Amino acid sequence: MPDNNDSALLLSEDIIAQRQYHHSEAGITWEECGLRQYLNGEFLRQFSGQDQAHIMQVKNENSDNQRFGTGGGNTTIDKVFLLSIEEVIKHFGDSGQLQKRPEKNFWCIDDQFNSRRQANYNDEVWFWLLRSPGGNGVKAASVDDDGRISFTGESIVNDRVGLRPAIWVRLQNYTLDTEFSDIDRERNQAAQGKNSLVVSTKDEQSKVISDH
């Protein structure tokens, strides 16, 4: 991950679509899945030329599932990706449950940060995909509609699970409005039909900075 103040991690504020992790129920990792191909192909091409020029190619580590041991596969080079379990914890809040496995409900992280992790789809709280492997090779980890991180995850062929893409952008010579209020953001979304993005920079602050 980039680690300087000239770059920022953008995440769709809410779920933008429902989509399968992969098109068939076969053992798969993030490197090989159909969703990664879609995000770095068809989805990426929907950005303007200016935006694409500032989207950074980054190296993503794909760790094994820390509860079930499911292999995460090789490191990947991505422009568009899903967050991993570790990244969700880093950017939404760390209660220590990843390192200190609870005796009850070991299959999930259920803590004071649940509400921060919740996301909406069509005005309804919904569950969303992570790129990390789930409880076996045909599942991908997820965030449940109540905000718990599920190590068990969802079937990779489930086409009802939510999608929250993430990108790293280079901020140098790139104008981003960091002063959106809630009213301004809602007005902009209504006028343009676009999805707000959340930014996390080196100082770990999160705020809405742009609409794509």
C-alpha atoms as a PDB file:
ATOM      1  CA  MET A   1       0.000   0.000   0.000  1.00  0.00           C
ATOM      2  CA  PRO A   2       1.208   3.554  -0.665  1.00  0.00           C
ATOM      3  CA  ASP A   3       2.294   5.190   2.568  1.00  0.00           C
ATOM      4  CA  ASN A   4       2.686   8.896   1.883  1.00  0.00           C
ATOM      5  CA  ASN A   5       0.419  11.921   2.038  1.00  0.00           C
ATOM      6  CA  ASP A   6       0.349  12.243  -1.757  1.00  0.00           C
ATOM      7  CA  SER A   7      -2.036   9.295  -2.055  1.00  0.00           C
ATOM      8  CA  ALA A   8      -5.385   8.260  -0.619  1.00  0.00           C
ATOM      9  CA  LEU A   9      -7.480   5.118  -0.397  1.00  0.00           C
ATOM     10  CA  LEU A  10     -10.993   5.586  -1.764  1.00  0.00           C
ATOM     11  CA  LEU A  11     -13.821   3.207  -0.926  1.00  0.00           C
ATOM     12  CA  SER A  12     -17.390   3.426  -2.167  1.00  0.00           C
ATOM     13  CA  GLU A  13     -19.383   4.802   0.735  1.00  0.00           C
ATOM     14  CA  ASP A  14     -22.252   2.434   0.061  1.00  0.00           C
ATOM     15  CA  ILE A  15     -22.791  -0.718  -1.950  1.00  0.00           C
ATOM     16  CA  ILE A  16     -22.911   0.069  -5.658  1.00  0.00           C
ATOM     17  CA  ALA A  17     -24.073  -3.301  -7.022  1.00  0.00           C
ATOM     18  CA  GLN A  18     -24.601  -6.976  -6.274  1.00  0.00           C
ATOM     19  CA  ARG A  19     -22.182  -9.352  -7.973  1.00  0.00           C
ATOM     20  CA  GLN A  20     -20.651 -12.818  -7.717  1.00  0.00           C
ATOM     21  CA  TYR A  21     -17.058 -13.283  -6.593  1.00  0.00           C
ATOM     22  CA  HIS A  22     -16.714 -15.932  -9.300  1.00  0.00           C
ATOM     23  CA  HIS A  23     -18.943 -17.458 -11.969  1.00  0.00           C
ATOM     24  CA  SER A  24     -18.550 -21.089 -10.898  1.00  0.00           C
ATOM     25  CA  GLU A  25     -18.284 -22.917  -7.592  1.00  0.00           C
ATOM     26  CA  ALA A  26     -14.687 -24.074  -7.779  1.00  0.00           C
ATOM     27  CA  GLY A  27     -11.779 -23.450  -5.429  1.00  0.00           C
ATOM     28  CA  ILE A  28     -10.609 -19.939  -6.274  1.00  0.00           C
ATOM     29  CA  THR A  29      -8.478 -17.116  -4.896  1.00  0.00           C
ATOM     30  CA  TRP A  30      -8.677 -13.358  -5.421  1.00  0.00           C
ATOM     31  CA  GLU A  31      -5.948 -13.575  -8.078  1.00  0.00           C
ATOM     32  CA  GLU A  32      -8.041 -15.878 -10.268  1.00  0.00           C
ATOM     33  CA  CYS A  33     -11.617 -14.798  -9.568  1.00  0.00           C
ATOM     34  CA  GLY A  34     -13.939 -13.311 -12.132  1.00  0.00           C
ATOM     35  CA  LEU A  35     -14.722 -10.289  -9.950  1.00  0.00           C
ATOM     36  CA  ARG A  36     -11.102  -9.135  -9.986  1.00  0.00           C
ATOM     37  CA  GLN A  37     -11.089  -9.346 -13.785  1.00  0.00           C
ATOM     38  CA  TYR A  38     -14.315  -7.327 -13.957  1.00  0.00           C
ATOM     39  CA  LEU A  39     -13.129  -4.600 -11.564  1.00  0.00           C
ATOM     40  CA  ASN A  40      -9.808  -4.110 -13.355  1.00  0.00           C
ATOM     41  CA  GLY A  41     -11.420  -4.260 -16.789  1.00  0.00           C
ATOM     42  CA  GLU A  42     -14.998  -3.209 -17.494  1.00  0.00           C
ATOM     43  CA  PHE A  43     -15.477  -1.366 -14.201  1.00  0.00           C
ATOM     44  CA  LEU A  44     -12.180   0.540 -14.431  1.00  0.00           C
ATOM     45  CA  ARG A  45     -13.005   1.717 -17.957  1.00  0.00           C
ATOM     46  CA  GLN A  46     -16.083   3.522 -16.613  1.00  0.00           C
ATOM     47  CA  PHE A  47     -13.833   6.135 -14.964  1.00  0.00           C
ATOM     48  CA  SER A  48     -12.916   9.255 -16.928  1.00  0.00           C
ATOM     49  CA  GLY A  49      -9.495   9.489 -18.540  1.00  0.00           C
ATOM     50  CA  GLN A  50      -8.408  12.023 -15.904  1.00  0.00           C
ATOM     51  CA  ASP A  51      -9.485   9.757 -13.071  1.00  0.00           C
ATOM     52  CA  GLN A  52      -7.819   6.697 -14.601  1.00  0.00           C
ATOM     53  CA  ALA A  53      -4.547   8.612 -14.871  1.00  0.00           C
ATOM     54  CA  HIS A  54      -4.584   9.138 -11.095  1.00  0.00           C
ATOM     55  CA  ILE A  55      -5.642   5.628 -10.074  1.00  0.00           C
ATOM     56  CA  MET A  56      -2.549   3.856  -8.795  1.00  0.00           C
ATOM     57  CA  GLN A  57      -1.471   0.317  -9.471  1.00  0.00           C
ATOM     58  CA  VAL A  58      -0.803  -1.253  -6.060  1.00  0.00           C
ATOM     59  CA  LYS A  59       0.530  -4.512  -4.688  1.00  0.00           C
ATOM     60  CA  ASN A  60      -2.056  -6.311  -2.547  1.00  0.00           C
ATOM     61  CA  GLU A  61      -1.161  -9.006  -0.041  1.00  0.00           C
ATOM     62  CA  ASN A  62      -3.735 -11.790   0.136  1.00  0.00           C
ATOM     63  CA  SER A  63      -3.391 -13.406   3.540  1.00  0.00           C
ATOM     64  CA  ASP A  64      -4.771 -16.787   4.515  1.00  0.00           C
ATOM     65  CA  ASN A  65      -8.023 -16.872   6.486  1.00  0.00           C
ATOM     66  CA  GLN A  66      -6.952 -16.469  10.114  1.00  0.00           C
ATOM     67  CA  ARG A  67      -9.737 -18.644  11.518  1.00  0.00           C
ATOM     68  CA  PHE A  68     -10.062 -21.465   8.984  1.00  0.00           C
ATOM     69  CA  GLY A  69      -6.646 -21.440   7.308  1.00  0.00           C
ATOM     70  CA  THR A  70      -8.042 -21.126   3.773  1.00  0.00           C
ATOM     71  CA  GLY A  71      -5.255 -20.036   1.419  1.00  0.00           C
ATOM     72  CA  GLY A  72      -5.352 -16.454   0.198  1.00  0.00           C
ATOM     73  CA  GLY A  73      -3.189 -17.060  -2.853  1.00  0.00           C
ATOM     74  CA  ASN A  74      -0.485 -14.944  -4.444  1.00  0.00           C
ATOM     75  CA  THR A  75       0.180 -11.247  -4.051  1.00  0.00           C
ATOM     76  CA  THR A  76      -1.646  -9.343  -6.780  1.00  0.00           C
ATOM     77  CA  ILE A  77      -1.140  -6.074  -8.645  1.00  0.00           C
ATOM     78  CA  ASP A  78      -4.462  -4.230  -8.851  1.00  0.00           C
ATOM     79  CA  LYS A  79      -5.922  -0.870  -9.683  1.00  0.00           C
ATOM     80  CA  VAL A  80      -9.402  -1.695  -8.392  1.00  0.00           C
ATOM     81  CA  PHE A  81      -9.933  -4.212  -5.604  1.00  0.00           C
ATOM     82  CA  LEU A  82     -11.977  -5.223  -2.596  1.00  0.00           C
ATOM     83  CA  LEU A  83     -10.727  -4.635   0.914  1.00  0.00           C
ATOM     84  CA  SER A  84      -9.249  -7.536   2.846  1.00  0.00           C
ATOM     85  CA  ILE A  85     -10.249  -8.475   6.391  1.00  0.00           C
ATOM     86  CA  GLU A  86      -7.057  -6.842   7.659  1.00  0.00           C
ATOM     87  CA  GLU A  87      -7.728  -3.613   5.761  1.00  0.00           C
ATOM     88  CA  VAL A  88     -11.305  -3.372   7.047  1.00  0.00           C
ATOM     89  CA  ILE A  89      -9.981  -3.656  10.594  1.00  0.00           C
ATOM     90  CA  LYS A  90      -7.256  -1.079   9.933  1.00  0.00           C
ATOM     91  CA  HIS A  91      -9.548   1.540   8.427  1.00  0.00           C
ATOM     92  CA  PHE A  92     -12.809   0.977  10.335  1.00  0.00           C
ATOM     93  CA  GLY A  93     -11.418   0.212  13.803  1.00  0.00           C
ATOM     94  CA  ASP A  94      -9.403  -2.477  15.575  1.00  0.00           C
ATOM     95  CA  SER A  95     -10.786  -4.035  18.766  1.00  0.00           C
ATOM     96  CA  GLY A  96      -7.999  -6.636  18.916  1.00  0.00           C
ATOM     97  CA  GLN A  97     -10.278  -9.580  18.080  1.00  0.00           C
ATOM     98  CA  LEU A  98      -8.248 -10.523  15.003  1.00  0.00           C
ATOM     99  CA  GLN A  99      -5.166 -11.230  17.121  1.00  0.00           C
ATOM    100  CA  LYS A 100      -7.035 -12.423  20.227  1.00  0.00           C
ATOM    101  CA  ARG A 101      -9.439 -15.061  18.982  1.00  0.00           C
ATOM    102  CA  PRO A 102     -12.609 -14.979  21.108  1.00  0.00           C
ATOM    103  CA  GLU A 103     -13.849 -18.226  22.622  1.00  0.00           C
ATOM    104  CA  LYS A 104     -17.406 -17.541  21.451  1.00  0.00           C
ATOM    105  CA  ASN A 105     -18.261 -16.737  17.843  1.00  0.00           C
ATOM    106  CA  PHE A 106     -14.699 -17.355  16.684  1.00  0.00           C
ATOM    107  CA  TRP A 107     -15.985 -17.271  13.090  1.00  0.00           C
ATOM    108  CA  CYS A 108     -16.602 -13.525  13.160  1.00  0.00           C
ATOM    109  CA  ILE A 109     -15.441 -10.199  14.552  1.00  0.00           C
ATOM    110  CA  ASP A 110     -18.311  -8.715  16.521  1.00  0.00           C
ATOM    111  CA  ASP A 111     -17.268  -5.511  18.282  1.00  0.00           C
ATOM    112  CA  GLN A 112     -17.913  -1.819  18.915  1.00  0.00           C
ATOM    113  CA  PHE A 113     -17.063  -0.992  15.290  1.00  0.00           C
ATOM    114  CA  ASN A 114     -19.938  -2.971  13.748  1.00  0.00           C
ATOM    115  CA  SER A 115     -21.956   0.154  12.931  1.00  0.00           C
ATOM    116  CA  ARG A 116     -19.003   1.761  11.129  1.00  0.00           C
ATOM    117  CA  ARG A 117     -18.765  -1.234   8.821  1.00  0.00           C
ATOM    118  CA  GLN A 118     -22.443  -1.285   7.865  1.00  0.00           C
ATOM    119  CA  ALA A 119     -23.350  -0.218   4.333  1.00  0.00           C
ATOM    120  CA  ASN A 120     -26.570   0.340   2.418  1.00  0.00           C
ATOM    121  CA  TYR A 121     -27.846  -0.967  -0.878  1.00  0.00           C
ATOM    122  CA  ASN A 122     -30.983   0.677  -2.262  1.00  0.00           C
ATOM    123  CA  ASP A 123     -31.623   2.271   1.143  1.00  0.00           C
ATOM    124  CA  GLU A 124     -31.415  -1.087   2.928  1.00  0.00           C
ATOM    125  CA  VAL A 125     -28.559  -2.255   5.159  1.00  0.00           C
ATOM    126  CA  TRP A 126     -26.858  -5.053   3.254  1.00  0.00           C
ATOM    127  CA  PHE A 127     -23.885  -7.457   3.425  1.00  0.00           C
ATOM    128  CA  TRP A 128     -20.771  -6.893   1.309  1.00  0.00           C
ATOM    129  CA  LEU A 129     -17.808  -8.847  -0.070  1.00  0.00           C
ATOM    130  CA  LEU A 130     -14.159  -8.800   0.899  1.00  0.00           C
ATOM    131  CA  ARG A 131     -11.322 -10.193  -1.219  1.00  0.00           C
ATOM    132  CA  SER A 132     -10.057 -12.428   1.612  1.00  0.00           C
ATOM    133  CA  PRO A 133     -10.850 -16.151   1.439  1.00  0.00           C
ATOM    134  CA  GLY A 134     -13.766 -17.481   3.464  1.00  0.00           C
ATOM    135  CA  GLY A 135     -14.210 -20.684   5.427  1.00  0.00           C
ATOM    136  CA  ASN A 136     -13.198 -22.798   2.425  1.00  0.00           C
ATOM    137  CA  GLY A 137     -12.117 -22.396  -1.187  1.00  0.00           C
ATOM    138  CA  VAL A 138     -15.638 -21.733  -2.457  1.00  0.00           C
ATOM    139  CA  LYS A 139     -16.391 -18.927  -0.016  1.00  0.00           C
ATOM    140  CA  ALA A 140     -15.173 -15.340   0.244  1.00  0.00           C
ATOM    141  CA  ALA A 141     -15.048 -13.388   3.496  1.00  0.00           C
ATOM    142  CA  SER A 142     -17.689 -10.730   3.973  1.00  0.00           C
ATOM    143  CA  VAL A 143     -19.141  -8.051   6.213  1.00  0.00           C
ATOM    144  CA  ASP A 144     -22.623  -8.989   7.398  1.00  0.00           C
ATOM    145  CA  ASP A 145     -25.542  -6.591   7.321  1.00  0.00           C
ATOM    146  CA  ASP A 146     -25.128  -6.061  11.072  1.00  0.00           C
ATOM    147  CA  GLY A 147     -21.494  -5.013  10.527  1.00  0.00           C
ATOM    148  CA  ARG A 148     -19.808  -8.170  11.813  1.00  0.00           C
ATOM    149  CA  ILE A 149     -16.812  -9.408   9.810  1.00  0.00           C
ATOM    150  CA  SER A 150     -17.507 -12.996   8.764  1.00  0.00           C
ATOM    151  CA  PHE A 151     -14.515 -15.313   8.387  1.00  0.00           C
ATOM    152  CA  THR A 152     -16.937 -17.964   7.079  1.00  0.00           C
ATOM    153  CA  GLY A 153     -18.119 -15.598   4.361  1.00  0.00           C
ATOM    154  CA  GLU A 154     -20.445 -16.082   1.428  1.00  0.00           C
ATOM    155  CA  SER A 155     -20.539 -18.545  -1.449  1.00  0.00           C
ATOM    156  CA  ILE A 156     -18.460 -17.255  -4.343  1.00  0.00           C
ATOM    157  CA  VAL A 157     -21.444 -17.779  -6.683  1.00  0.00           C
ATOM    158  CA  ASN A 158     -23.850 -15.754  -4.524  1.00  0.00           C
ATOM    159  CA  ASP A 159     -25.014 -12.967  -6.834  1.00  0.00           C
ATOM    160  CA  ARG A 160     -26.846 -11.023  -4.123  1.00  0.00           C
ATOM    161  CA  VAL A 161     -23.820  -9.991  -2.066  1.00  0.00           C
ATOM    162  CA  GLY A 162     -22.838  -6.317  -2.167  1.00  0.00           C
ATOM    163  CA  LEU A 163     -19.880  -4.702  -3.914  1.00  0.00           C
ATOM    164  CA  ARG A 164     -17.794  -1.855  -2.456  1.00  0.00           C
ATOM    165  CA  PRO A 165     -14.794  -1.269  -4.766  1.00  0.00           C
ATOM    166  CA  ALA A 166     -11.639   0.426  -3.507  1.00  0.00           C
ATOM    167  CA  ILE A 167      -8.881   2.344  -5.300  1.00  0.00           C
ATOM    168  CA  TRP A 168      -5.724   4.207  -4.373  1.00  0.00           C
ATOM    169  CA  VAL A 169      -5.409   7.607  -6.063  1.00  0.00           C
ATOM    170  CA  ARG A 170      -2.446   9.915  -6.509  1.00  0.00           C
ATOM    171  CA  LEU A 171      -3.424  13.316  -5.095  1.00  0.00           C
ATOM    172  CA  GLN A 172      -0.650  15.426  -6.641  1.00  0.00           C
ATOM    173  CA  ASN A 173      -2.080  17.834  -9.244  1.00  0.00           C
ATOM    174  CA  TYR A 174      -5.502  16.274  -8.758  1.00  0.00           C
ATOM    175  CA  THR A 175      -8.276  18.498  -7.456  1.00  0.00           C
ATOM    176  CA  LEU A 176     -10.488  16.833  -4.851  1.00  0.00           C
ATOM    177  CA  ASP A 177     -13.120  18.615  -2.789  1.00  0.00           C
ATOM    178  CA  THR A 178     -12.615  17.633   0.857  1.00  0.00           C
ATOM    179  CA  GLU A 179     -15.263  19.932   2.281  1.00  0.00           C
ATOM    180  CA  PHE A 180     -18.517  18.187   1.347  1.00  0.00           C
ATOM    181  CA  SER A 181     -21.178  18.463   4.009  1.00  0.00           C
ATOM    182  CA  ASP A 182     -23.868  15.795   4.230  1.00  0.00           C
ATOM    183  CA  ILE A 183     -26.331  18.097   2.474  1.00  0.00           C
ATOM    184  CA  ASP A 184     -23.867  18.950  -0.298  1.00  0.00           C
ATOM    185  CA  ARG A 185     -23.085  15.265  -0.798  1.00  0.00           C
ATOM    186  CA  GLU A 186     -26.741  14.271  -1.013  1.00  0.00           C
ATOM    187  CA  ARG A 187     -27.458  17.107  -3.424  1.00  0.00           C
ATOM    188  CA  ASN A 188     -24.515  16.147  -5.602  1.00  0.00           C
ATOM    189  CA  GLN A 189     -25.536  12.494  -5.660  1.00  0.00           C
ATOM    190  CA  ALA A 190     -29.106  13.351  -6.559  1.00  0.00           C
ATOM    191  CA  ALA A 191     -27.982  15.657  -9.366  1.00  0.00           C
ATOM    192  CA  GLN A 192     -25.318  13.395 -10.835  1.00  0.00           C
ATOM    193  CA  GLY A 193     -26.411   9.891  -9.857  1.00  0.00           C
ATOM    194  CA  LYS A 194     -22.929   9.076  -8.589  1.00  0.00           C
ATOM    195  CA  ASN A 195     -21.482   7.164  -5.644  1.00  0.00           C
ATOM    196  CA  SER A 196     -19.677   8.964  -2.832  1.00  0.00           C
ATOM    197  CA  LEU A 197     -16.238   7.694  -1.910  1.00  0.00           C
ATOM    198  CA  VAL A 198     -14.592   7.534   1.496  1.00  0.00           C
ATOM    199  CA  VAL A 199     -10.923   8.396   1.797  1.00  0.00           C
ATOM    200  CA  SER A 200      -8.390   7.072   4.267  1.00  0.00           C
ATOM    201  CA  THR A 201      -5.034   8.836   4.218  1.00  0.00           C
ATOM    202  CA  LYS A 202      -1.828   8.249   6.160  1.00  0.00           C
ATOM    203  CA  ASP A 203      -3.170  10.030   9.256  1.00  0.00           C
ATOM    204  CA  GLU A 204      -6.031   7.470   9.364  1.00  0.00           C
ATOM    205  CA  GLN A 205      -8.745  10.128   9.007  1.00  0.00           C
ATOM    206  CA  SER A 206     -11.785   9.105   6.960  1.00  0.00           C
ATOM    207  CA  LYS A 207     -14.101  11.504   5.177  1.00  0.00           C
ATOM    208  CA  VAL A 208     -16.045  11.877   1.968  1.00  0.00           C
ATOM    209  CA  ILE A 209     -13.849  13.629  -0.562  1.00  0.00           C
ATOM    210  CA  SER A 210     -15.209  13.011  -4.021  1.00  0.00           C
ATOM    211  CA  ASP A 211     -18.037  11.623  -6.076  1.00  0.00           C
ATOM    212  CA  HIS A 212     -17.463   9.311  -9.063  1.00  0.00           C
END
